[in-house]
Structures are given as C-alpha cells and as structure tokens.
Amino acid sequence: MGCRTRPIRDIEVINLGGLPEAEALRLLGVDEQVNDLSGKTK
C-alpha cells in the first residue's frame, strides 16, 4: 500500500489569548455556533 502525501502549506499561528471567545471565533471565520462565515459551501 502506498502512502499519499500532501504538499506542505504555509502555517500561520495566531495568539487569540485575551480576546473574548466570540471575537476569536469571528477572526477564525466561524460564529458562536461554529457555522462557517466564509460563504463557502462544501
């Protein structure tokens, strides 16, 4: 069995400490119910 690998992508680390939870989630692109806010559909 072969092992498929994916290309490595850039990784960005964001320190969300000290932000209210709702604001941190919004910055990540989701609302408080963890719904995608990007407008993209699967």
PDB file of N, CA and C in Angstrom:
ATOM      1  N   MET A   1       0.831  -1.176   0.000  1.00  0.00           N
ATOM      2  CA  MET A   1       0.000   0.000   0.000  1.00  0.00           C
ATOM      3  C   MET A   1       0.878   1.242   0.000  1.00  0.00           C
ATOM      4  N   GLY A   2       0.573   2.158  -0.907  1.00  0.00           N
ATOM      5  CA  GLY A   2       1.341   3.398  -0.986  1.00  0.00           C
ATOM      6  C   GLY A   2       0.807   4.432  -0.018  1.00  0.00           C
ATOM      7  N   CYS A   3       1.661   5.330   0.318  1.00  0.00           N
ATOM      8  CA  CYS A   3       1.272   6.409   1.231  1.00  0.00           C
ATOM      9  C   CYS A   3       1.204   7.698   0.424  1.00  0.00           C
ATOM     10  N   ARG A   4       0.037   8.311   0.397  1.00  0.00           N
ATOM     11  CA  ARG A   4      -0.104   9.586  -0.303  1.00  0.00           C
ATOM     12  C   ARG A   4       0.302  10.711   0.631  1.00  0.00           C
ATOM     13  N   THR A   5       1.035  11.640   0.103  1.00  0.00           N
ATOM     14  CA  THR A   5       1.412  12.802   0.899  1.00  0.00           C
ATOM     15  C   THR A   5       0.803  14.045   0.271  1.00  0.00           C
ATOM     16  N   ARG A   6       0.563  15.005   1.091  1.00  0.00           N
ATOM     17  CA  ARG A   6       0.029  16.282   0.620  1.00  0.00           C
ATOM     18  C   ARG A   6       1.151  17.314   0.699  1.00  0.00           C
ATOM     19  N   PRO A   7       1.125  18.287  -0.190  1.00  0.00           N
ATOM     20  CA  PRO A   7       2.162  19.321  -0.123  1.00  0.00           C
ATOM     21  C   PRO A   7       2.039  20.133   1.168  1.00  0.00           C
ATOM     22  N   ILE A   8       3.148  20.568   1.683  1.00  0.00           N
ATOM     23  CA  ILE A   8       3.153  21.386   2.896  1.00  0.00           C
ATOM     24  C   ILE A   8       2.705  22.793   2.528  1.00  0.00           C
ATOM     25  N   ARG A   9       1.835  23.343   3.323  1.00  0.00           N
ATOM     26  CA  ARG A   9       1.347  24.704   3.107  1.00  0.00           C
ATOM     27  C   ARG A   9       1.881  25.617   4.199  1.00  0.00           C
ATOM     28  N   ASP A  10       1.803  26.899   3.946  1.00  0.00           N
ATOM     29  CA  ASP A  10       2.208  27.870   4.964  1.00  0.00           C
ATOM     30  C   ASP A  10       1.321  27.720   6.190  1.00  0.00           C
ATOM     31  N   ILE A  11       1.924  27.878   7.340  1.00  0.00           N
ATOM     32  CA  ILE A  11       1.191  27.794   8.604  1.00  0.00           C
ATOM     33  C   ILE A  11       1.298  29.148   9.289  1.00  0.00           C
ATOM     34  N   GLU A  12       0.169  29.649   9.717  1.00  0.00           N
ATOM     35  CA  GLU A  12       0.147  30.927  10.433  1.00  0.00           C
ATOM     36  C   GLU A  12      -0.370  30.683  11.837  1.00  0.00           C
ATOM     37  N   VAL A  13       0.364  31.146  12.826  1.00  0.00           N
ATOM     38  CA  VAL A  13      -0.030  30.988  14.215  1.00  0.00           C
ATOM     39  C   VAL A  13      -0.592  32.315  14.693  1.00  0.00           C
ATOM     40  N   ILE A  14      -1.774  32.271  15.261  1.00  0.00           N
ATOM     41  CA  ILE A  14      -2.423  33.476  15.767  1.00  0.00           C
ATOM     42  C   ILE A  14      -2.680  33.287  17.251  1.00  0.00           C
ATOM     43  N   ASN A  15      -2.173  34.187  18.079  1.00  0.00           N
ATOM     44  CA  ASN A  15      -2.418  34.133  19.513  1.00  0.00           C
ATOM     45  C   ASN A  15      -3.741  34.838  19.791  1.00  0.00           C
ATOM     46  N   LEU A  16      -4.743  34.071  20.176  1.00  0.00           N
ATOM     47  CA  LEU A  16      -6.069  34.616  20.439  1.00  0.00           C
ATOM     48  C   LEU A  16      -6.315  34.832  21.929  1.00  0.00           C
ATOM     49  N   GLY A  17      -5.282  34.646  22.731  1.00  0.00           N
ATOM     50  CA  GLY A  17      -5.411  34.838  24.166  1.00  0.00           C
ATOM     51  C   GLY A  17      -5.799  36.266  24.493  1.00  0.00           C
ATOM     52  N   GLY A  18      -6.698  36.429  25.425  1.00  0.00           N
ATOM     53  CA  GLY A  18      -7.131  37.745  25.856  1.00  0.00           C
ATOM     54  C   GLY A  18      -8.318  38.293  25.080  1.00  0.00           C
ATOM     55  N   LEU A  19      -8.690  37.658  23.978  1.00  0.00           N
ATOM     56  CA  LEU A  19      -9.855  38.096  23.219  1.00  0.00           C
ATOM     57  C   LEU A  19     -11.103  37.394  23.732  1.00  0.00           C
ATOM     58  N   PRO A  20     -12.243  38.066  23.677  1.00  0.00           N
ATOM     59  CA  PRO A  20     -13.490  37.369  24.002  1.00  0.00           C
ATOM     60  C   PRO A  20     -13.694  36.220  23.008  1.00  0.00           C
ATOM     61  N   GLU A  21     -14.318  35.142  23.454  1.00  0.00           N
ATOM     62  CA  GLU A  21     -14.488  33.958  22.613  1.00  0.00           C
ATOM     63  C   GLU A  21     -15.179  34.284  21.285  1.00  0.00           C
ATOM     64  N   ALA A  22     -16.231  35.082  21.319  1.00  0.00           N
ATOM     65  CA  ALA A  22     -16.966  35.401  20.090  1.00  0.00           C
ATOM     66  C   ALA A  22     -16.072  36.115  19.085  1.00  0.00           C
ATOM     67  N   GLU A  23     -15.239  37.030  19.559  1.00  0.00           N
ATOM     68  CA  GLU A  23     -14.327  37.766  18.670  1.00  0.00           C
ATOM     69  C   GLU A  23     -13.273  36.832  18.083  1.00  0.00           C
ATOM     70  N   ALA A  24     -12.719  35.948  18.910  1.00  0.00           N
ATOM     71  CA  ALA A  24     -11.717  34.997  18.429  1.00  0.00           C
ATOM     72  C   ALA A  24     -12.309  34.081  17.359  1.00  0.00           C
ATOM     73  N   LEU A  25     -13.519  33.589  17.584  1.00  0.00           N
ATOM     74  CA  LEU A  25     -14.168  32.729  16.596  1.00  0.00           C
ATOM     75  C   LEU A  25     -14.426  33.483  15.296  1.00  0.00           C
ATOM     76  N   ARG A  26     -14.854  34.743  15.408  1.00  0.00           N
ATOM     77  CA  ARG A  26     -15.122  35.540  14.211  1.00  0.00           C
ATOM     78  C   ARG A  26     -13.843  35.735  13.401  1.00  0.00           C
ATOM     79  N   LEU A  27     -12.728  35.959  14.078  1.00  0.00           N
ATOM     80  CA  LEU A  27     -11.444  36.104  13.382  1.00  0.00           C
ATOM     81  C   LEU A  27     -11.051  34.823  12.644  1.00  0.00           C
ATOM     82  N   LEU A  28     -11.489  33.684  13.188  1.00  0.00           N
ATOM     83  CA  LEU A  28     -11.200  32.396  12.549  1.00  0.00           C
ATOM     84  C   LEU A  28     -12.211  32.047  11.464  1.00  0.00           C
ATOM     85  N   GLY A  29     -13.248  32.868  11.326  1.00  0.00           N
ATOM     86  CA  GLY A  29     -14.218  32.662  10.255  1.00  0.00           C
ATOM     87  C   GLY A  29     -15.417  31.820  10.618  1.00  0.00           C
ATOM     88  N   VAL A  30     -15.711  31.706  11.910  1.00  0.00           N
ATOM     89  CA  VAL A  30     -16.899  30.971  12.339  1.00  0.00           C
ATOM     90  C   VAL A  30     -17.655  31.806  13.360  1.00  0.00           C
ATOM     91  N   ASP A  31     -18.957  31.508  13.530  1.00  0.00           N
ATOM     92  CA  ASP A  31     -19.729  32.217  14.540  1.00  0.00           C
ATOM     93  C   ASP A  31     -19.758  31.390  15.828  1.00  0.00           C
ATOM     94  N   GLU A  32     -20.512  31.859  16.813  1.00  0.00           N
ATOM     95  CA  GLU A  32     -20.534  31.184  18.122  1.00  0.00           C
ATOM     96  C   GLU A  32     -21.124  29.779  18.062  1.00  0.00           C
ATOM     97  N   GLN A  33     -21.905  29.470  17.027  1.00  0.00           N
ATOM     98  CA  GLN A  33     -22.449  28.124  16.848  1.00  0.00           C
ATOM     99  C   GLN A  33     -21.547  27.313  15.914  1.00  0.00           C
ATOM    100  N   VAL A  34     -20.367  27.814  15.641  1.00  0.00           N
ATOM    101  CA  VAL A  34     -19.346  27.195  14.792  1.00  0.00           C
ATOM    102  C   VAL A  34     -19.858  26.991  13.361  1.00  0.00           C
ATOM    103  N   ASN A  35     -20.619  27.960  12.853  1.00  0.00           N
ATOM    104  CA  ASN A  35     -21.043  27.955  11.464  1.00  0.00           C
ATOM    105  C   ASN A  35     -20.029  28.729  10.631  1.00  0.00           C
ATOM    106  N   ASP A  36     -19.663  28.191   9.474  1.00  0.00           N
ATOM    107  CA  ASP A  36     -18.696  28.820   8.583  1.00  0.00           C
ATOM    108  C   ASP A  36     -19.237  30.158   8.102  1.00  0.00           C
ATOM    109  N   LEU A  37     -18.462  31.219   8.258  1.00  0.00           N
ATOM    110  CA  LEU A  37     -18.872  32.543   7.826  1.00  0.00           C
ATOM    111  C   LEU A  37     -18.198  32.962   6.527  1.00  0.00           C
ATOM    112  N   SER A  38     -17.427  32.081   5.924  1.00  0.00           N
ATOM    113  CA  SER A  38     -16.676  32.438   4.719  1.00  0.00           C
ATOM    114  C   SER A  38     -17.546  32.503   3.473  1.00  0.00           C
ATOM    115  N   GLY A  39     -18.756  31.964   3.546  1.00  0.00           N
ATOM    116  CA  GLY A  39     -19.625  31.951   2.380  1.00  0.00           C
ATOM    117  C   GLY A  39     -19.359  30.764   1.462  1.00  0.00           C
ATOM    118  N   LYS A  40     -18.370  29.941   1.813  1.00  0.00           N
ATOM    119  CA  LYS A  40     -18.063  28.754   1.011  1.00  0.00           C
ATOM    120  C   LYS A  40     -18.970  27.613   1.437  1.00  0.00           C
ATOM    121  N   THR A  41     -19.327  26.769   0.488  1.00  0.00           N
ATOM    122  CA  THR A  41     -20.110  25.569   0.809  1.00  0.00           C
ATOM    123  C   THR A  41     -19.269  24.363   0.479  1.00  0.00           C
ATOM    124  N   LYS A  42     -19.557  23.274   1.172  1.00  0.00           N
ATOM    125  CA  LYS A  42     -18.807  22.035   0.943  1.00  0.00           C
ATOM    126  C   LYS A  42     -19.273  21.331  -0.301  1.00  0.00           C
TER     127      LYS A  42
END
